[in-house]
Structure formats: structure tokens, C-alpha cells
Amino acid sequence: MSADQRAKMEAMMQQHGMAINPAGGGTIQMCMTADMVKHNALPVGKDGKCQPTWSQGINSTSFSYSCQNSGVTSSGKGSVTRSGDLLNVLSDGTTTSAAGTHTTHTEVQMRYLGADCGALKPTGGTN
């Protein structure tokens, strides 16, 4: 990707509360408020119309979602497992738009870094 394309992508990500951490091997940093975490808010754009459901266990949470935004419909399900300050997320989803239907399988590991996000603003989470 060109330097200009990368700059545009990084600017778009920052508008949605995310930043690439080049020192972290290409990891992505995301800022969420305590209220977003408390209410299981999905980190989606503010314009998204999402309908998530959650089933809370002792160290894990199952979820499903259905979102519509600008002619794009996304739905899926997954689980979040907590171990100390680590969260492991597995999810499968389907997105349908004018370009067709695409399926995804995502595996993410997240680590709590602290309450101060610095210059990064919280994501546009919704519940």
C-alpha cells in the first residue's frame, strides 16, 4: 500500500477510535469507555444500526448481532473468553451489500492496556 493510502486508512481508523501500533508488530489499539465495556457495546460506527444479543457466563460471553448501515447488512455470532487481562474473541459473520455476500471468520486476542487512551478517542460503540 502506498504511503498516501496508508495515511488515509490510519485517519479513517482514528475517526473510529482505532490506531495501528507499529512498535507492536502491527497490532491495533482500540479505545473504549468504561461504560461501553460495562454495557457490552459493540465497537461499530455511530451510524450503524445494530441489534446485539449477549449471554454472559463466568469467564465467557456469547454474542450475536445484526447491523444495517447504508445498504449493507452484517450479521454473525461469536464468543469472548476472559483470562486475566486477556480477551480472546472468535466470531463468524456474513456481510451482504450491492457487491455481493462475504463471510468472515475472525480470531482476535485483546489485552487491557489501561484507562488512559491518550489522544485516541473512544470508538463509536452502540448497544
N, C-alpha and C. Protein backbone atom coordinates (compact mmCIF):
# COMPACT_ATOMS: atom_id res chain seq x y z
N MET A 1 0.85 -1.17 0.00
CA MET A 1 0.00 0.00 0.00
C MET A 1 0.89 1.23 0.00
N SER A 2 0.47 2.24 -0.73
CA SER A 2 1.27 3.46 -0.82
C SER A 2 1.19 4.23 0.50
N ALA A 3 2.13 5.16 0.69
CA ALA A 3 2.15 5.98 1.90
C ALA A 3 0.86 6.80 2.01
N ASP A 4 0.35 7.30 0.88
CA ASP A 4 -0.89 8.07 0.87
C ASP A 4 -2.09 7.20 1.28
N GLN A 5 -2.17 5.98 0.74
CA GLN A 5 -3.25 5.07 1.09
C GLN A 5 -3.19 4.72 2.58
N ARG A 6 -1.98 4.46 3.07
CA ARG A 6 -1.83 4.13 4.50
C ARG A 6 -2.27 5.30 5.37
N ALA A 7 -1.88 6.53 5.01
CA ALA A 7 -2.26 7.71 5.78
C ALA A 7 -3.78 7.87 5.82
N LYS A 8 -4.45 7.64 4.67
CA LYS A 8 -5.91 7.74 4.62
C LYS A 8 -6.56 6.66 5.50
N MET A 9 -6.02 5.43 5.44
CA MET A 9 -6.57 4.35 6.25
C MET A 9 -6.38 4.64 7.74
N GLU A 10 -5.21 5.12 8.12
CA GLU A 10 -4.95 5.43 9.53
C GLU A 10 -5.86 6.56 10.02
N ALA A 11 -6.11 7.57 9.18
CA ALA A 11 -7.01 8.66 9.55
C ALA A 11 -8.44 8.15 9.75
N MET A 12 -8.89 7.26 8.86
CA MET A 12 -10.23 6.70 8.99
C MET A 12 -10.33 5.85 10.26
N MET A 13 -9.30 5.06 10.54
CA MET A 13 -9.31 4.23 11.74
C MET A 13 -9.36 5.10 13.00
N GLN A 14 -8.60 6.20 13.01
CA GLN A 14 -8.58 7.06 14.18
C GLN A 14 -9.95 7.70 14.41
N GLN A 15 -10.69 8.01 13.35
CA GLN A 15 -12.04 8.55 13.49
C GLN A 15 -12.96 7.55 14.18
N HIS A 16 -12.64 6.25 14.09
CA HIS A 16 -13.44 5.20 14.70
C HIS A 16 -12.79 4.64 15.97
N GLY A 17 -11.85 5.43 16.55
CA GLY A 17 -11.28 5.04 17.83
C GLY A 17 -10.22 3.96 17.77
N MET A 18 -9.56 3.80 16.64
CA MET A 18 -8.53 2.76 16.50
C MET A 18 -7.25 3.37 15.95
N ALA A 19 -6.13 2.75 16.30
CA ALA A 19 -4.84 3.19 15.78
C ALA A 19 -3.95 1.98 15.59
N ILE A 20 -3.11 2.01 14.56
CA ILE A 20 -2.12 0.95 14.34
C ILE A 20 -0.91 1.26 15.20
N ASN A 21 -0.42 0.26 15.91
CA ASN A 21 0.74 0.41 16.76
C ASN A 21 1.94 -0.23 16.05
N PRO A 22 2.74 0.56 15.31
CA PRO A 22 3.84 -0.05 14.55
C PRO A 22 4.88 -0.72 15.44
N ALA A 23 5.05 -0.25 16.68
CA ALA A 23 6.01 -0.86 17.60
C ALA A 23 5.50 -2.20 18.11
N GLY A 24 4.20 -2.44 17.99
CA GLY A 24 3.60 -3.67 18.50
C GLY A 24 3.42 -4.73 17.43
N GLY A 25 4.23 -4.69 16.39
CA GLY A 25 4.13 -5.72 15.35
C GLY A 25 2.88 -5.60 14.51
N GLY A 26 2.37 -4.38 14.33
CA GLY A 26 1.18 -4.19 13.52
C GLY A 26 -0.11 -4.38 14.29
N THR A 27 -0.04 -4.37 15.62
CA THR A 27 -1.25 -4.51 16.41
C THR A 27 -2.11 -3.26 16.28
N ILE A 28 -3.38 -3.41 16.57
CA ILE A 28 -4.32 -2.30 16.52
C ILE A 28 -4.75 -1.96 17.93
N GLN A 29 -4.68 -0.68 18.27
CA GLN A 29 -5.14 -0.21 19.58
C GLN A 29 -6.53 0.37 19.42
N MET A 30 -7.43 0.03 20.34
CA MET A 30 -8.80 0.50 20.30
C MET A 30 -9.14 1.11 21.66
N CYS A 31 -9.82 2.23 21.64
CA CYS A 31 -10.21 2.89 22.88
C CYS A 31 -11.71 2.71 23.10
N MET A 32 -12.07 2.18 24.27
CA MET A 32 -13.46 2.03 24.65
C MET A 32 -13.64 2.62 26.04
N THR A 33 -14.75 3.30 26.28
CA THR A 33 -15.01 3.85 27.60
C THR A 33 -15.43 2.73 28.55
N ALA A 34 -15.32 3.00 29.85
CA ALA A 34 -15.74 2.02 30.86
C ALA A 34 -17.23 1.71 30.68
N ASP A 35 -18.03 2.70 30.32
CA ASP A 35 -19.47 2.49 30.12
C ASP A 35 -19.73 1.56 28.93
N MET A 36 -18.95 1.70 27.87
CA MET A 36 -19.10 0.82 26.71
C MET A 36 -18.79 -0.63 27.09
N VAL A 37 -17.74 -0.83 27.88
CA VAL A 37 -17.37 -2.18 28.31
C VAL A 37 -18.46 -2.73 29.25
N LYS A 38 -18.90 -1.91 30.18
CA LYS A 38 -19.92 -2.33 31.15
C LYS A 38 -21.21 -2.79 30.45
N HIS A 39 -21.59 -2.10 29.38
CA HIS A 39 -22.84 -2.40 28.69
C HIS A 39 -22.64 -3.28 27.45
N ASN A 40 -21.47 -3.90 27.31
CA ASN A 40 -21.19 -4.77 26.16
C ASN A 40 -21.47 -4.08 24.83
N ALA A 41 -21.09 -2.81 24.73
CA ALA A 41 -21.33 -2.06 23.49
C ALA A 41 -20.42 -2.57 22.39
N LEU A 42 -20.97 -2.76 21.22
CA LEU A 42 -20.16 -3.19 20.08
C LEU A 42 -19.38 -2.00 19.53
N PRO A 43 -18.11 -2.19 19.19
CA PRO A 43 -17.32 -1.10 18.62
C PRO A 43 -17.62 -0.92 17.13
N VAL A 44 -18.75 -0.31 16.83
CA VAL A 44 -19.15 -0.07 15.45
C VAL A 44 -19.35 1.41 15.24
N GLY A 45 -19.39 1.84 13.99
CA GLY A 45 -19.57 3.24 13.66
C GLY A 45 -20.86 3.80 14.24
N LYS A 46 -20.85 5.10 14.51
CA LYS A 46 -22.01 5.76 15.11
C LYS A 46 -23.25 5.69 14.23
N ASP A 47 -23.07 5.52 12.92
CA ASP A 47 -24.21 5.46 12.01
C ASP A 47 -24.80 4.06 11.91
N GLY A 48 -24.13 3.08 12.49
CA GLY A 48 -24.59 1.69 12.40
C GLY A 48 -25.86 1.46 13.19
N LYS A 49 -26.75 0.66 12.66
CA LYS A 49 -27.99 0.28 13.34
C LYS A 49 -27.83 -1.18 13.73
N CYS A 50 -27.36 -1.43 14.94
CA CYS A 50 -27.05 -2.79 15.37
C CYS A 50 -28.02 -3.29 16.42
N GLN A 51 -28.25 -4.59 16.36
CA GLN A 51 -29.10 -5.26 17.35
C GLN A 51 -28.33 -6.44 17.91
N PRO A 52 -27.48 -6.19 18.94
CA PRO A 52 -26.71 -7.29 19.52
C PRO A 52 -27.48 -8.00 20.62
N THR A 53 -27.16 -9.26 20.83
CA THR A 53 -27.66 -10.00 21.99
C THR A 53 -26.45 -10.64 22.66
N TRP A 54 -26.50 -10.76 23.97
CA TRP A 54 -25.39 -11.26 24.77
C TRP A 54 -25.88 -12.32 25.74
N SER A 55 -25.08 -13.32 26.00
CA SER A 55 -25.34 -14.33 27.02
C SER A 55 -24.07 -14.43 27.87
N GLN A 56 -24.14 -13.92 29.08
CA GLN A 56 -22.97 -13.81 29.95
C GLN A 56 -22.76 -15.06 30.78
N GLY A 57 -21.53 -15.58 30.78
CA GLY A 57 -21.12 -16.68 31.64
C GLY A 57 -20.12 -16.18 32.66
N ILE A 58 -19.45 -17.07 33.38
CA ILE A 58 -18.49 -16.65 34.40
C ILE A 58 -17.25 -16.03 33.74
N ASN A 59 -16.61 -16.72 32.83
CA ASN A 59 -15.42 -16.22 32.15
C ASN A 59 -15.60 -16.09 30.65
N SER A 60 -16.83 -16.20 30.19
CA SER A 60 -17.06 -16.10 28.74
C SER A 60 -18.41 -15.46 28.46
N THR A 61 -18.51 -14.92 27.27
CA THR A 61 -19.74 -14.29 26.80
C THR A 61 -19.98 -14.75 25.37
N SER A 62 -21.20 -15.15 25.06
CA SER A 62 -21.60 -15.47 23.69
C SER A 62 -22.39 -14.28 23.16
N PHE A 63 -22.26 -13.99 21.88
CA PHE A 63 -22.98 -12.86 21.32
C PHE A 63 -23.43 -13.17 19.90
N SER A 64 -24.42 -12.42 19.48
CA SER A 64 -24.84 -12.41 18.08
C SER A 64 -25.22 -10.97 17.75
N TYR A 65 -25.22 -10.64 16.47
CA TYR A 65 -25.52 -9.27 16.08
C TYR A 65 -26.14 -9.25 14.69
N SER A 66 -26.85 -8.18 14.43
CA SER A 66 -27.40 -7.89 13.13
C SER A 66 -27.33 -6.38 12.95
N CYS A 67 -26.62 -5.91 11.92
CA CYS A 67 -26.41 -4.48 11.72
C CYS A 67 -26.79 -4.09 10.30
N GLN A 68 -27.34 -2.88 10.16
CA GLN A 68 -27.63 -2.32 8.85
C GLN A 68 -27.07 -0.92 8.80
N ASN A 69 -26.36 -0.61 7.72
CA ASN A 69 -25.76 0.72 7.58
C ASN A 69 -25.54 1.00 6.10
N SER A 70 -26.21 2.00 5.59
CA SER A 70 -26.03 2.46 4.21
C SER A 70 -26.13 1.33 3.18
N GLY A 71 -27.16 0.50 3.29
CA GLY A 71 -27.37 -0.56 2.32
C GLY A 71 -26.54 -1.81 2.53
N VAL A 72 -25.82 -1.86 3.64
CA VAL A 72 -25.00 -3.03 3.96
C VAL A 72 -25.60 -3.70 5.20
N THR A 73 -25.80 -5.01 5.10
CA THR A 73 -26.32 -5.78 6.23
C THR A 73 -25.23 -6.75 6.69
N SER A 74 -24.96 -6.75 7.99
CA SER A 74 -23.98 -7.66 8.57
C SER A 74 -24.64 -8.42 9.71
N SER A 75 -24.34 -9.70 9.82
CA SER A 75 -24.84 -10.48 10.95
C SER A 75 -23.81 -11.54 11.28
N GLY A 76 -23.86 -12.00 12.52
CA GLY A 76 -22.90 -13.02 12.92
C GLY A 76 -23.07 -13.41 14.36
N LYS A 77 -22.15 -14.26 14.81
CA LYS A 77 -22.17 -14.72 16.19
C LYS A 77 -20.74 -15.05 16.60
N GLY A 78 -20.53 -15.13 17.91
CA GLY A 78 -19.21 -15.45 18.39
C GLY A 78 -19.16 -15.57 19.89
N SER A 79 -17.93 -15.60 20.40
CA SER A 79 -17.73 -15.71 21.85
C SER A 79 -16.51 -14.91 22.27
N VAL A 80 -16.53 -14.48 23.52
CA VAL A 80 -15.42 -13.77 24.14
C VAL A 80 -15.07 -14.53 25.41
N THR A 81 -13.80 -14.92 25.55
CA THR A 81 -13.35 -15.63 26.74
C THR A 81 -12.30 -14.77 27.43
N ARG A 82 -12.48 -14.58 28.75
CA ARG A 82 -11.58 -13.73 29.52
C ARG A 82 -10.64 -14.58 30.36
N SER A 83 -9.36 -14.21 30.38
CA SER A 83 -8.37 -14.84 31.23
C SER A 83 -7.44 -13.74 31.73
N GLY A 84 -7.65 -13.27 32.95
CA GLY A 84 -6.88 -12.14 33.48
C GLY A 84 -7.16 -10.89 32.68
N ASP A 85 -6.11 -10.25 32.15
CA ASP A 85 -6.30 -9.05 31.35
C ASP A 85 -6.36 -9.34 29.85
N LEU A 86 -6.48 -10.63 29.50
CA LEU A 86 -6.60 -11.02 28.10
C LEU A 86 -8.04 -11.37 27.74
N LEU A 87 -8.44 -10.98 26.55
CA LEU A 87 -9.73 -11.38 25.98
C LEU A 87 -9.45 -12.08 24.66
N ASN A 88 -10.02 -13.26 24.47
CA ASN A 88 -9.94 -13.96 23.20
C ASN A 88 -11.32 -13.93 22.56
N VAL A 89 -11.38 -13.45 21.33
CA VAL A 89 -12.65 -13.30 20.63
C VAL A 89 -12.63 -14.18 19.38
N LEU A 90 -13.67 -14.98 19.21
CA LEU A 90 -13.88 -15.77 18.00
C LEU A 90 -15.22 -15.36 17.43
N SER A 91 -15.28 -15.08 16.13
CA SER A 91 -16.57 -14.72 15.54
C SER A 91 -16.64 -15.14 14.08
N ASP A 92 -17.85 -15.40 13.64
CA ASP A 92 -18.15 -15.71 12.25
C ASP A 92 -19.27 -14.78 11.81
N GLY A 93 -19.12 -14.20 10.62
CA GLY A 93 -20.12 -13.26 10.17
C GLY A 93 -20.35 -13.31 8.68
N THR A 94 -21.45 -12.68 8.28
CA THR A 94 -21.82 -12.56 6.88
C THR A 94 -22.18 -11.11 6.61
N THR A 95 -21.66 -10.56 5.53
CA THR A 95 -21.97 -9.19 5.13
C THR A 95 -22.53 -9.24 3.72
N THR A 96 -23.67 -8.57 3.52
CA THR A 96 -24.31 -8.51 2.22
C THR A 96 -24.45 -7.05 1.79
N SER A 97 -24.00 -6.76 0.57
CA SER A 97 -24.12 -5.42 0.01
C SER A 97 -24.35 -5.55 -1.50
N ALA A 98 -24.35 -4.43 -2.19
CA ALA A 98 -24.52 -4.45 -3.64
C ALA A 98 -23.38 -5.23 -4.31
N ALA A 99 -22.25 -5.32 -3.64
CA ALA A 99 -21.09 -6.04 -4.20
C ALA A 99 -21.20 -7.55 -4.02
N GLY A 100 -22.18 -8.01 -3.25
CA GLY A 100 -22.34 -9.44 -3.03
C GLY A 100 -22.32 -9.80 -1.56
N THR A 101 -22.20 -11.10 -1.29
CA THR A 101 -22.19 -11.61 0.07
C THR A 101 -20.80 -12.14 0.40
N HIS A 102 -20.31 -11.78 1.57
CA HIS A 102 -18.98 -12.20 2.02
C HIS A 102 -19.08 -12.77 3.42
N THR A 103 -18.35 -13.83 3.67
CA THR A 103 -18.31 -14.41 5.01
C THR A 103 -16.93 -14.20 5.61
N THR A 104 -16.89 -14.09 6.94
CA THR A 104 -15.62 -13.89 7.63
C THR A 104 -15.54 -14.80 8.85
N HIS A 105 -14.32 -15.17 9.16
CA HIS A 105 -14.03 -15.85 10.43
C HIS A 105 -12.92 -15.02 11.07
N THR A 106 -13.12 -14.59 12.30
CA THR A 106 -12.17 -13.71 12.96
C THR A 106 -11.73 -14.30 14.29
N GLU A 107 -10.45 -14.24 14.53
CA GLU A 107 -9.88 -14.63 15.82
C GLU A 107 -9.02 -13.46 16.28
N VAL A 108 -9.35 -12.90 17.45
CA VAL A 108 -8.67 -11.72 17.96
C VAL A 108 -8.26 -11.96 19.41
N GLN A 109 -7.08 -11.51 19.76
CA GLN A 109 -6.66 -11.53 21.15
C GLN A 109 -6.46 -10.07 21.57
N MET A 110 -7.10 -9.67 22.67
CA MET A 110 -7.01 -8.30 23.16
C MET A 110 -6.43 -8.31 24.57
N ARG A 111 -5.68 -7.25 24.87
CA ARG A 111 -5.11 -7.09 26.21
C ARG A 111 -5.45 -5.69 26.70
N TYR A 112 -5.90 -5.61 27.95
CA TYR A 112 -6.20 -4.33 28.57
C TYR A 112 -4.89 -3.57 28.80
N LEU A 113 -4.80 -2.34 28.29
CA LEU A 113 -3.58 -1.56 28.41
C LEU A 113 -3.66 -0.50 29.49
N GLY A 114 -4.87 -0.08 29.84
CA GLY A 114 -5.03 0.95 30.86
C GLY A 114 -6.20 1.84 30.53
N ALA A 115 -6.52 2.71 31.48
CA ALA A 115 -7.69 3.57 31.35
C ALA A 115 -7.42 4.80 30.49
N ASP A 116 -6.16 5.18 30.28
CA ASP A 116 -5.83 6.38 29.52
C ASP A 116 -5.55 6.02 28.07
N CYS A 117 -6.39 6.50 27.15
CA CYS A 117 -6.22 6.23 25.73
C CYS A 117 -5.34 7.28 25.04
N GLY A 118 -4.86 8.25 25.79
CA GLY A 118 -4.04 9.32 25.19
C GLY A 118 -4.86 10.13 24.21
N ALA A 119 -4.32 10.38 23.02
CA ALA A 119 -5.01 11.20 22.01
C ALA A 119 -6.10 10.42 21.29
N LEU A 120 -6.14 9.10 21.46
CA LEU A 120 -7.13 8.27 20.78
C LEU A 120 -8.49 8.42 21.45
N LYS A 121 -9.50 8.71 20.66
CA LYS A 121 -10.87 8.89 21.16
C LYS A 121 -11.58 7.54 21.15
N PRO A 122 -12.57 7.36 22.05
CA PRO A 122 -13.32 6.08 22.10
C PRO A 122 -14.02 5.78 20.78
N THR A 123 -14.20 4.48 20.53
CA THR A 123 -14.91 4.03 19.33
C THR A 123 -16.35 4.51 19.38
N GLY A 124 -17.03 4.41 18.26
CA GLY A 124 -18.45 4.78 18.19
C GLY A 124 -19.34 3.64 18.59
N GLY A 125 -19.08 3.01 19.74
CA GLY A 125 -19.84 1.83 20.17
C GLY A 125 -21.32 2.10 20.33
N THR A 126 -22.08 1.07 20.14
CA THR A 126 -23.53 1.15 20.29
C THR A 126 -24.01 -0.15 20.90
N ASN A 127 -25.11 -0.12 21.54
CA ASN A 127 -25.72 -1.35 22.02
C ASN A 127 -27.17 -1.26 21.74
